């Protein structure tokens, strides 16, 4: 299993970014996928989750209405569209899969300046 994130960067408050997670090594269309984020000194926290078909989604209260998780099962990729970004969204964002154990990507830094 390999999860490779991309799309992080620096943006001003109110801006947008789209994160991508390219997955390989398993049957992607069969598994739910999630995005987590972590700041130094704190535990990783769930940001959003999408079911295997893409029709079921869950969001942390702090990002509801601003972030959208989606997936393309033909491309084995999960996305996180982040709009109306706030400084408190600054974090390292991780792609996550549970398949008999935890799998994490390497993380991508998102920095939002005020």
Protein backbone atom coordinates (compact mmCIF):
# COMPACT_ATOMS: atom_id res chain seq x y z
CA UNK A 1 0.00 0.00 0.00
CA UNK A 2 1.22 3.47 -0.88
CA UNK A 3 -0.49 6.80 -0.27
CA UNK A 4 1.11 9.91 -1.77
CA UNK A 5 -0.28 13.36 -0.97
CA UNK A 6 0.24 16.49 -3.00
CA UNK A 7 -1.21 19.97 -3.32
CA UNK A 8 -0.19 21.59 -0.06
CA UNK A 9 1.31 25.05 0.12
CA UNK A 10 0.95 28.54 1.50
CA UNK A 11 -2.14 30.67 1.00
CA UNK A 12 -3.71 33.74 2.52
CA UNK A 13 -6.82 33.53 4.65
CA UNK A 14 -9.91 33.18 2.50
CA UNK A 15 -8.02 31.33 -0.19
CA UNK A 16 -8.36 27.80 -1.51
CA UNK A 17 -6.23 24.72 -1.99
CA UNK A 18 -6.94 21.24 -3.30
CA UNK A 19 -5.10 18.29 -1.85
CA UNK A 20 -4.73 15.01 -3.72
CA UNK A 21 -3.84 11.55 -2.48
CA UNK A 22 -2.77 9.00 -5.06
CA UNK A 23 -3.27 5.45 -3.79
CA UNK A 24 -1.78 2.18 -4.96
CA UNK A 25 -1.24 -1.40 -3.83
CA UNK A 26 -4.83 -2.25 -3.00
CA UNK A 27 -8.30 -2.26 -4.58
CA UNK A 28 -9.01 1.42 -4.04
CA UNK A 29 -12.70 1.35 -4.97
CA UNK A 30 -13.47 -1.07 -2.11
CA UNK A 31 -12.28 1.11 0.77
CA UNK A 32 -13.23 4.29 2.57
CA UNK A 33 -10.57 6.99 2.61
CA UNK A 34 -9.96 9.84 5.02
CA UNK A 35 -8.00 13.02 5.51
CA UNK A 36 -6.51 13.87 8.91
CA UNK A 37 -4.47 16.83 10.06
CA UNK A 38 -1.96 17.37 12.82
CA UNK A 39 -0.20 20.34 14.39
CA UNK A 40 2.89 19.94 16.58
CA UNK A 41 2.02 18.82 20.09
CA UNK A 42 -1.46 17.62 19.22
CA UNK A 43 -2.93 14.33 18.07
CA UNK A 44 -3.98 13.80 14.49
CA UNK A 45 -7.60 14.76 14.01
CA UNK A 46 -10.08 13.57 11.43
CA UNK A 47 -10.92 16.21 8.84
CA UNK A 48 -13.12 14.27 6.43
CA UNK A 49 -14.00 10.75 5.35
CA UNK A 50 -15.49 9.41 2.14
CA UNK A 51 -17.06 6.01 1.64
CA UNK A 52 -15.94 3.58 -1.01
CA UNK A 53 -18.40 4.79 -3.65
CA UNK A 54 -18.04 8.47 -2.84
CA UNK A 55 -21.67 8.98 -1.87
CA UNK A 56 -21.14 8.95 1.90
CA UNK A 57 -19.09 11.73 3.47
CA UNK A 58 -18.31 12.87 7.01
CA UNK A 59 -16.70 16.11 8.13
CA UNK A 60 -15.26 17.59 11.28
CA UNK A 61 -17.47 20.40 12.55
CA UNK A 62 -14.64 22.87 12.09
CA UNK A 63 -14.52 22.36 8.31
CA UNK A 64 -18.17 21.74 7.43
CA UNK A 65 -19.32 24.00 4.63
CA UNK A 66 -15.76 24.91 3.66
CA UNK A 67 -14.06 21.61 2.77
CA UNK A 68 -15.24 18.94 0.35
CA UNK A 69 -13.86 15.43 0.15
CA UNK A 70 -14.28 13.45 -3.06
CA UNK A 71 -12.74 10.53 -4.88
CA UNK A 72 -12.14 9.29 -8.39
CA UNK A 73 -12.12 5.50 -8.32
CA UNK A 74 -10.91 5.38 -11.93
CA UNK A 75 -7.80 7.33 -10.93
CA UNK A 76 -7.32 5.77 -7.47
CA UNK A 77 -7.25 9.27 -6.03
CA UNK A 78 -8.98 11.03 -3.16
CA UNK A 79 -9.22 14.82 -3.00
CA UNK A 80 -9.79 17.47 -0.38
CA UNK A 81 -11.02 20.79 -1.72
CA UNK A 82 -10.41 23.45 0.92
CA UNK A 83 -12.14 26.80 0.53
CA UNK A 84 -12.38 29.86 2.79
CA UNK A 85 -9.21 28.78 4.51
CA UNK A 86 -8.46 30.14 7.97
CA UNK A 87 -5.16 30.46 9.85
CA UNK A 88 -6.34 27.72 12.20
CA UNK A 89 -6.40 25.32 9.23
CA UNK A 90 -2.60 25.49 9.17
CA UNK A 91 -1.42 21.93 9.67
CA UNK A 92 0.15 18.90 8.07
CA UNK A 93 -2.57 17.00 6.23
CA UNK A 94 -2.43 13.22 5.93
CA UNK A 95 -4.25 10.75 3.75
CA UNK A 96 -5.43 7.69 5.68
CA UNK A 97 -6.60 4.16 4.92
CA UNK A 98 -7.61 1.37 7.26
CA UNK A 99 -7.04 -2.00 5.65
CA UNK A 100 -6.42 -4.50 8.46
CA UNK A 101 -4.08 -1.84 9.90
CA UNK A 102 -3.44 1.88 9.66
CA UNK A 103 -1.83 3.29 6.54
CA UNK A 104 -0.73 6.92 6.32
CA UNK A 105 0.71 9.07 3.60
CA UNK A 106 3.80 11.16 4.20
CA UNK A 107 1.79 14.32 4.80
CA UNK A 108 1.59 17.67 3.05
CA UNK A 109 1.97 21.04 4.75
CA UNK A 110 -0.79 23.62 4.49
CA UNK A 111 -0.01 27.10 5.80
CA UNK A 112 -2.68 29.81 5.95
CA UNK A 113 -1.54 33.34 6.76
CA UNK A 114 -3.78 36.08 8.09
